[in-house]
Amino acid sequence: MAQVSGEVVRKLREGRGWTQEVLAYQASLSVKTIQRVEKGGPCNMETRAALASVFQIDAKQLDGEKKIEQAEAPSGDDLLLYTRLLTGNSVADVFDGTYWYRYSSEDARTSEDNEAIAAAVATINDWSEIWHEIEPGSKIKAVFEITELLKDLERRGMWIFGLRTKTTFKFPLRDGGHTTQEGAIANFHIAYADSEKIIVLDPKA
């Protein structure tokens, strides 16, 4: 069995404005499983991994021992709560296999920051567009480049946040109708580390 704090799962879910049903859908789990986990019931490794993936955090953070930094960022008509991405791998985990991308950021405070934000978005978008076509060795290089990008932004006082969500896409047909397909969306937001919209979930506080 895996160690998971039901309180952390509940706070992460409620912070995103999700019901237990929505979280179950996003994580491809049953509602009963979500209810059991939030009540502190047993949780297997597969469920733990699914929850960590949908919240875009390290699975170890689900045990309630580490702080989880999140940021409120607008996405369409919704207000999503994104989790801070600390490594190139965590960024790739958000965009790998997605159908669509959303990027947002706080207003840049300087022209240099504006250039850094634009470069970060372009770099992430470029790698995400060709991710499924490149070899494993190139992916390792890409992950390193993105990690260095995160470090550069952090030196400038900025963090990248991300969240993977699901939606249903409509595709037009030649007869004028349409077909639907479920797919994932990669959501990214760049914010200043001292932003008022950053929320720190600290289970020990």
C-alpha atoms as a PDB file:
ATOM      1  CA  MET A   1       0.000   0.000   0.000  1.00  0.00           C
ATOM      2  CA  ALA A   2       1.053   3.619  -0.565  1.00  0.00           C
ATOM      3  CA  GLN A   3       1.176   6.500   1.906  1.00  0.00           C
ATOM      4  CA  VAL A   4      -1.243   9.289   0.974  1.00  0.00           C
ATOM      5  CA  SER A   5      -2.708  12.082   3.103  1.00  0.00           C
ATOM      6  CA  GLY A   6      -6.435  12.308   2.520  1.00  0.00           C
ATOM      7  CA  GLU A   7      -6.355  15.913   3.749  1.00  0.00           C
ATOM      8  CA  VAL A   8      -3.760  16.884   1.129  1.00  0.00           C
ATOM      9  CA  VAL A   9      -5.789  15.231  -1.641  1.00  0.00           C
ATOM     10  CA  ARG A  10      -8.937  17.028  -0.492  1.00  0.00           C
ATOM     11  CA  LYS A  11      -7.211  20.431  -0.326  1.00  0.00           C
ATOM     12  CA  LEU A  12      -5.639  19.980  -3.763  1.00  0.00           C
ATOM     13  CA  ARG A  13      -9.013  18.986  -5.189  1.00  0.00           C
ATOM     14  CA  GLU A  14     -10.967  21.802  -3.542  1.00  0.00           C
ATOM     15  CA  GLY A  15      -8.288  24.330  -4.489  1.00  0.00           C
ATOM     16  CA  ARG A  16      -9.054  23.575  -8.120  1.00  0.00           C
ATOM     17  CA  GLY A  17     -12.763  23.843  -7.573  1.00  0.00           C
ATOM     18  CA  TRP A  18     -13.204  20.161  -8.441  1.00  0.00           C
ATOM     19  CA  THR A  19     -15.841  17.858  -7.044  1.00  0.00           C
ATOM     20  CA  GLN A  20     -14.879  14.297  -6.170  1.00  0.00           C
ATOM     21  CA  GLU A  21     -16.545  13.265  -9.417  1.00  0.00           C
ATOM     22  CA  VAL A  22     -14.366  15.634 -11.461  1.00  0.00           C
ATOM     23  CA  LEU A  23     -11.183  14.426  -9.767  1.00  0.00           C
ATOM     24  CA  ALA A  24     -12.199  10.823 -10.408  1.00  0.00           C
ATOM     25  CA  TYR A  25     -12.709  11.662 -14.093  1.00  0.00           C
ATOM     26  CA  GLN A  26      -9.412  13.542 -14.396  1.00  0.00           C
ATOM     27  CA  ALA A  27      -7.462  10.724 -12.708  1.00  0.00           C
ATOM     28  CA  SER A  28      -9.405   7.878 -14.393  1.00  0.00           C
ATOM     29  CA  LEU A  29     -10.398   6.526 -10.982  1.00  0.00           C
ATOM     30  CA  SER A  30     -13.747   5.700  -9.418  1.00  0.00           C
ATOM     31  CA  VAL A  31     -15.565   8.163  -7.171  1.00  0.00           C
ATOM     32  CA  LYS A  32     -15.540   5.537  -4.423  1.00  0.00           C
ATOM     33  CA  THR A  33     -11.734   5.410  -4.621  1.00  0.00           C
ATOM     34  CA  ILE A  34     -11.507   9.202  -4.218  1.00  0.00           C
ATOM     35  CA  GLN A  35     -13.902   9.107  -1.277  1.00  0.00           C
ATOM     36  CA  ARG A  36     -11.907   6.334   0.386  1.00  0.00           C
ATOM     37  CA  VAL A  37      -8.573   8.091  -0.070  1.00  0.00           C
ATOM     38  CA  GLU A  38      -9.868  11.427   1.257  1.00  0.00           C
ATOM     39  CA  LYS A  39     -11.184   9.673   4.349  1.00  0.00           C
ATOM     40  CA  GLY A  40      -7.702   8.296   5.009  1.00  0.00           C
ATOM     41  CA  GLY A  41      -8.478   4.818   3.738  1.00  0.00           C
ATOM     42  CA  PRO A  42      -6.023   2.474   2.000  1.00  0.00           C
ATOM     43  CA  CYS A  43      -4.437   3.606  -1.280  1.00  0.00           C
ATOM     44  CA  ASN A  44      -2.439   1.458  -3.692  1.00  0.00           C
ATOM     45  CA  MET A  45       0.570   2.578  -5.738  1.00  0.00           C
ATOM     46  CA  GLU A  46      -1.460   2.917  -8.954  1.00  0.00           C
ATOM     47  CA  THR A  47      -3.977   5.267  -7.327  1.00  0.00           C
ATOM     48  CA  ARG A  48      -1.179   7.313  -5.735  1.00  0.00           C
ATOM     49  CA  ALA A  49       0.563   7.670  -9.097  1.00  0.00           C
ATOM     50  CA  ALA A  50      -2.692   8.681 -10.820  1.00  0.00           C
ATOM     51  CA  LEU A  51      -3.401  11.370  -8.226  1.00  0.00           C
ATOM     52  CA  ALA A  52       0.152  12.711  -8.383  1.00  0.00           C
ATOM     53  CA  SER A  53      -0.097  12.857 -12.174  1.00  0.00           C
ATOM     54  CA  VAL A  54      -3.400  14.738 -12.275  1.00  0.00           C
ATOM     55  CA  PHE A  55      -2.198  17.239  -9.646  1.00  0.00           C
ATOM     56  CA  GLN A  56       1.211  17.458 -11.395  1.00  0.00           C
ATOM     57  CA  ILE A  57       3.211  16.938  -8.208  1.00  0.00           C
ATOM     58  CA  ASP A  58       5.792  14.483  -6.957  1.00  0.00           C
ATOM     59  CA  ALA A  59       4.015  11.429  -5.554  1.00  0.00           C
ATOM     60  CA  LYS A  60       5.991  11.886  -2.319  1.00  0.00           C
ATOM     61  CA  GLN A  61       4.238  15.215  -1.768  1.00  0.00           C
ATOM     62  CA  LEU A  62       0.951  13.392  -1.317  1.00  0.00           C
ATOM     63  CA  ASP A  63       2.081  12.084   2.056  1.00  0.00           C
ATOM     64  CA  GLY A  64       1.801  15.576   3.544  1.00  0.00           C
ATOM     65  CA  GLU A  65       5.478  16.011   4.391  1.00  0.00           C
ATOM     66  CA  LYS A  66       6.376  18.683   1.821  1.00  0.00           C
ATOM     67  CA  LYS A  67       5.022  22.096   0.876  1.00  0.00           C
ATOM     68  CA  ILE A  68       3.175  22.341  -2.428  1.00  0.00           C
ATOM     69  CA  GLU A  69       3.380  25.695  -4.214  1.00  0.00           C
ATOM     70  CA  GLN A  70       0.452  26.518  -6.467  1.00  0.00           C
ATOM     71  CA  ALA A  71      -0.728  29.539  -8.434  1.00  0.00           C
ATOM     72  CA  GLU A  72      -4.123  30.763  -9.540  1.00  0.00           C
ATOM     73  CA  ALA A  73      -4.104  31.359 -13.272  1.00  0.00           C
ATOM     74  CA  PRO A  74      -6.934  32.189 -15.692  1.00  0.00           C
ATOM     75  CA  SER A  75      -7.733  29.600 -18.346  1.00  0.00           C
ATOM     76  CA  GLY A  76     -10.686  30.452 -20.553  1.00  0.00           C
ATOM     77  CA  ASP A  77     -13.727  31.019 -18.366  1.00  0.00           C
ATOM     78  CA  ASP A  78     -12.339  28.888 -15.539  1.00  0.00           C
ATOM     79  CA  LEU A  79      -9.891  29.608 -12.757  1.00  0.00           C
ATOM     80  CA  LEU A  80      -7.437  26.749 -12.416  1.00  0.00           C
ATOM     81  CA  LEU A  81      -4.924  26.114  -9.667  1.00  0.00           C
ATOM     82  CA  TYR A  82      -1.590  25.157 -11.212  1.00  0.00           C
ATOM     83  CA  THR A  83       1.242  23.405  -9.357  1.00  0.00           C
ATOM     84  CA  ARG A  84       4.834  24.663  -9.539  1.00  0.00           C
ATOM     85  CA  LEU A  85       7.050  22.727 -11.956  1.00  0.00           C
ATOM     86  CA  LEU A  86      10.578  22.228 -10.651  1.00  0.00           C
ATOM     87  CA  THR A  87      12.279  20.150 -13.371  1.00  0.00           C
ATOM     88  CA  GLY A  88      12.279  19.635 -17.100  1.00  0.00           C
ATOM     89  CA  ASN A  89      10.752  16.210 -16.544  1.00  0.00           C
ATOM     90  CA  SER A  90       7.798  17.719 -14.682  1.00  0.00           C
ATOM     91  CA  VAL A  91       7.203  20.129 -17.592  1.00  0.00           C
ATOM     92  CA  ALA A  92       7.366  17.255 -20.097  1.00  0.00           C
ATOM     93  CA  ASP A  93       4.915  15.258 -17.981  1.00  0.00           C
ATOM     94  CA  VAL A  94       2.383  18.063 -18.462  1.00  0.00           C
ATOM     95  CA  PHE A  95       2.649  18.327 -22.262  1.00  0.00           C
ATOM     96  CA  ASP A  96       3.458  14.712 -23.228  1.00  0.00           C
ATOM     97  CA  GLY A  97       0.543  13.307 -25.235  1.00  0.00           C
ATOM     98  CA  THR A  98      -1.608  16.432 -25.057  1.00  0.00           C
ATOM     99  CA  TYR A  99      -3.763  17.738 -27.895  1.00  0.00           C
ATOM    100  CA  TRP A 100      -3.743  21.431 -27.054  1.00  0.00           C
ATOM    101  CA  TYR A 101      -1.740  23.968 -25.050  1.00  0.00           C
ATOM    102  CA  ARG A 102      -2.668  27.005 -22.983  1.00  0.00           C
ATOM    103  CA  TYR A 103      -0.076  29.558 -21.916  1.00  0.00           C
ATOM    104  CA  SER A 104      -0.550  32.507 -19.585  1.00  0.00           C
ATOM    105  CA  SER A 105       1.667  34.745 -17.499  1.00  0.00           C
ATOM    106  CA  GLU A 106       1.642  37.704 -15.188  1.00  0.00           C
ATOM    107  CA  ASP A 107       2.495  41.061 -16.720  1.00  0.00           C
ATOM    108  CA  ALA A 108       6.256  41.365 -17.103  1.00  0.00           C
ATOM    109  CA  ARG A 109       7.860  43.958 -14.844  1.00  0.00           C
ATOM    110  CA  THR A 110      10.779  44.672 -17.176  1.00  0.00           C
ATOM    111  CA  SER A 111      11.558  44.272 -20.863  1.00  0.00           C
ATOM    112  CA  GLU A 112      14.175  41.655 -19.924  1.00  0.00           C
ATOM    113  CA  ASP A 113      11.546  39.658 -18.034  1.00  0.00           C
ATOM    114  CA  ASN A 114       9.215  39.951 -21.009  1.00  0.00           C
ATOM    115  CA  GLU A 115      11.888  38.485 -23.282  1.00  0.00           C
ATOM    116  CA  ALA A 116      12.564  35.662 -20.796  1.00  0.00           C
ATOM    117  CA  ILE A 117       8.864  34.783 -20.574  1.00  0.00           C
ATOM    118  CA  ALA A 118       8.509  34.774 -24.373  1.00  0.00           C
ATOM    119  CA  ALA A 119      11.600  32.590 -24.753  1.00  0.00           C
ATOM    120  CA  ALA A 120      10.355  30.141 -22.114  1.00  0.00           C
ATOM    121  CA  VAL A 121       6.957  29.774 -23.774  1.00  0.00           C
ATOM    122  CA  ALA A 122       8.555  29.326 -27.206  1.00  0.00           C
ATOM    123  CA  THR A 123      10.997  26.697 -25.929  1.00  0.00           C
ATOM    124  CA  ILE A 124       8.335  24.645 -24.158  1.00  0.00           C
ATOM    125  CA  ASN A 125       5.977  24.911 -27.127  1.00  0.00           C
ATOM    126  CA  ASP A 126       8.677  23.884 -29.629  1.00  0.00           C
ATOM    127  CA  TRP A 127       9.619  20.760 -27.671  1.00  0.00           C
ATOM    128  CA  SER A 128       6.005  19.809 -27.011  1.00  0.00           C
ATOM    129  CA  GLU A 129       5.158  20.000 -30.715  1.00  0.00           C
ATOM    130  CA  ILE A 130       7.844  17.456 -31.706  1.00  0.00           C
ATOM    131  CA  TRP A 131       7.971  15.384 -28.508  1.00  0.00           C
ATOM    132  CA  HIS A 132       6.327  12.315 -30.017  1.00  0.00           C
ATOM    133  CA  GLU A 133       8.740  12.356 -32.978  1.00  0.00           C
ATOM    134  CA  ILE A 134      12.155  12.614 -31.291  1.00  0.00           C
ATOM    135  CA  GLU A 135      14.405   9.865 -29.981  1.00  0.00           C
ATOM    136  CA  PRO A 136      14.969   9.161 -26.251  1.00  0.00           C
ATOM    137  CA  GLY A 137      18.417  10.762 -26.381  1.00  0.00           C
ATOM    138  CA  SER A 138      16.957  13.994 -27.742  1.00  0.00           C
ATOM    139  CA  LYS A 139      14.325  13.953 -25.013  1.00  0.00           C
ATOM    140  CA  ILE A 140      17.071  13.810 -22.388  1.00  0.00           C
ATOM    141  CA  LYS A 141      18.694  16.867 -23.962  1.00  0.00           C
ATOM    142  CA  ALA A 142      15.335  18.629 -24.095  1.00  0.00           C
ATOM    143  CA  VAL A 143      14.630  17.916 -20.432  1.00  0.00           C
ATOM    144  CA  PHE A 144      18.045  19.361 -19.507  1.00  0.00           C
ATOM    145  CA  GLU A 145      17.407  22.484 -21.601  1.00  0.00           C
ATOM    146  CA  ILE A 146      14.008  23.015 -19.971  1.00  0.00           C
ATOM    147  CA  THR A 147      15.489  22.523 -16.503  1.00  0.00           C
ATOM    148  CA  GLU A 148      18.079  25.202 -17.253  1.00  0.00           C
ATOM    149  CA  LEU A 149      15.262  27.438 -18.480  1.00  0.00           C
ATOM    150  CA  LEU A 150      13.458  26.993 -15.147  1.00  0.00           C
ATOM    151  CA  LYS A 151      16.649  27.895 -13.295  1.00  0.00           C
ATOM    152  CA  ASP A 152      17.093  31.031 -15.389  1.00  0.00           C
ATOM    153  CA  LEU A 153      13.519  32.132 -14.683  1.00  0.00           C
ATOM    154  CA  GLU A 154      14.003  31.444 -10.975  1.00  0.00           C
ATOM    155  CA  ARG A 155      17.094  33.662 -10.970  1.00  0.00           C
ATOM    156  CA  ARG A 156      14.849  36.366 -12.381  1.00  0.00           C
ATOM    157  CA  GLY A 157      12.320  35.760  -9.607  1.00  0.00           C
ATOM    158  CA  MET A 158       9.794  33.820 -11.704  1.00  0.00           C
ATOM    159  CA  TRP A 159       8.335  30.327 -11.480  1.00  0.00           C
ATOM    160  CA  ILE A 160       6.535  28.106 -13.991  1.00  0.00           C
ATOM    161  CA  PHE A 161       3.327  26.375 -12.970  1.00  0.00           C
ATOM    162  CA  GLY A 162       1.471  23.691 -14.877  1.00  0.00           C
ATOM    163  CA  LEU A 163      -1.607  21.510 -14.898  1.00  0.00           C
ATOM    164  CA  ARG A 164      -2.861  18.785 -17.215  1.00  0.00           C
ATOM    165  CA  THR A 165      -6.621  18.735 -17.790  1.00  0.00           C
ATOM    166  CA  LYS A 166      -9.024  16.759 -19.957  1.00  0.00           C
ATOM    167  CA  THR A 167     -11.630  17.945 -22.417  1.00  0.00           C
ATOM    168  CA  THR A 168     -13.688  16.682 -25.350  1.00  0.00           C
ATOM    169  CA  PHE A 169     -12.637  17.913 -28.785  1.00  0.00           C
ATOM    170  CA  LYS A 170     -14.938  18.203 -31.787  1.00  0.00           C
ATOM    171  CA  PHE A 171     -13.578  17.392 -35.238  1.00  0.00           C
ATOM    172  CA  PRO A 172     -15.527  18.333 -38.416  1.00  0.00           C
ATOM    173  CA  LEU A 173     -16.509  15.674 -40.933  1.00  0.00           C
ATOM    174  CA  ARG A 174     -16.869  16.067 -44.709  1.00  0.00           C
ATOM    175  CA  ASP A 175     -20.637  15.571 -44.509  1.00  0.00           C
ATOM    176  CA  GLY A 176     -20.973  18.633 -42.305  1.00  0.00           C
ATOM    177  CA  GLY A 177     -21.264  16.712 -39.080  1.00  0.00           C
ATOM    178  CA  HIS A 178     -18.624  16.184 -36.467  1.00  0.00           C
ATOM    179  CA  THR A 179     -17.007  13.522 -34.348  1.00  0.00           C
ATOM    180  CA  THR A 180     -15.764  13.880 -30.768  1.00  0.00           C
ATOM    181  CA  GLN A 181     -12.640  12.633 -29.074  1.00  0.00           C
ATOM    182  CA  GLU A 182     -11.461  12.963 -25.502  1.00  0.00           C
ATOM    183  CA  GLY A 183      -8.019  14.524 -25.111  1.00  0.00           C
ATOM    184  CA  ALA A 184      -5.665  16.260 -22.727  1.00  0.00           C
ATOM    185  CA  ILE A 185      -4.735  19.936 -22.489  1.00  0.00           C
ATOM    186  CA  ALA A 186      -1.372  21.186 -21.194  1.00  0.00           C
ATOM    187  CA  ASN A 187      -1.835  24.377 -19.154  1.00  0.00           C
ATOM    188  CA  PHE A 188       1.190  26.530 -18.252  1.00  0.00           C
ATOM    189  CA  HIS A 189       1.440  29.763 -16.270  1.00  0.00           C
ATOM    190  CA  ILE A 190       4.473  31.914 -15.437  1.00  0.00           C
ATOM    191  CA  ALA A 191       4.274  34.011 -12.274  1.00  0.00           C
ATOM    192  CA  TYR A 192       6.605  36.017 -10.084  1.00  0.00           C
ATOM    193  CA  ALA A 193       7.667  34.162  -6.958  1.00  0.00           C
ATOM    194  CA  ASP A 194       6.308  36.987  -4.790  1.00  0.00           C
ATOM    195  CA  SER A 195       2.933  37.061  -6.547  1.00  0.00           C
ATOM    196  CA  GLU A 196      -0.153  37.359  -4.344  1.00  0.00           C
ATOM    197  CA  LYS A 197      -1.766  34.621  -6.425  1.00  0.00           C
ATOM    198  CA  ILE A 198       0.687  31.979  -5.249  1.00  0.00           C
ATOM    199  CA  ILE A 199      -0.747  29.649  -2.633  1.00  0.00           C
ATOM    200  CA  VAL A 200       1.421  27.388  -0.496  1.00  0.00           C
ATOM    201  CA  LEU A 201      -0.206  24.234   0.794  1.00  0.00           C
ATOM    202  CA  ASP A 202       1.763  23.332   3.910  1.00  0.00           C
ATOM    203  CA  PRO A 203       0.182  20.355   5.697  1.00  0.00           C
ATOM    204  CA  LYS A 204       2.462  20.906   8.700  1.00  0.00           C
ATOM    205  CA  ALA A 205       1.451  24.544   9.203  1.00  0.00           C
END
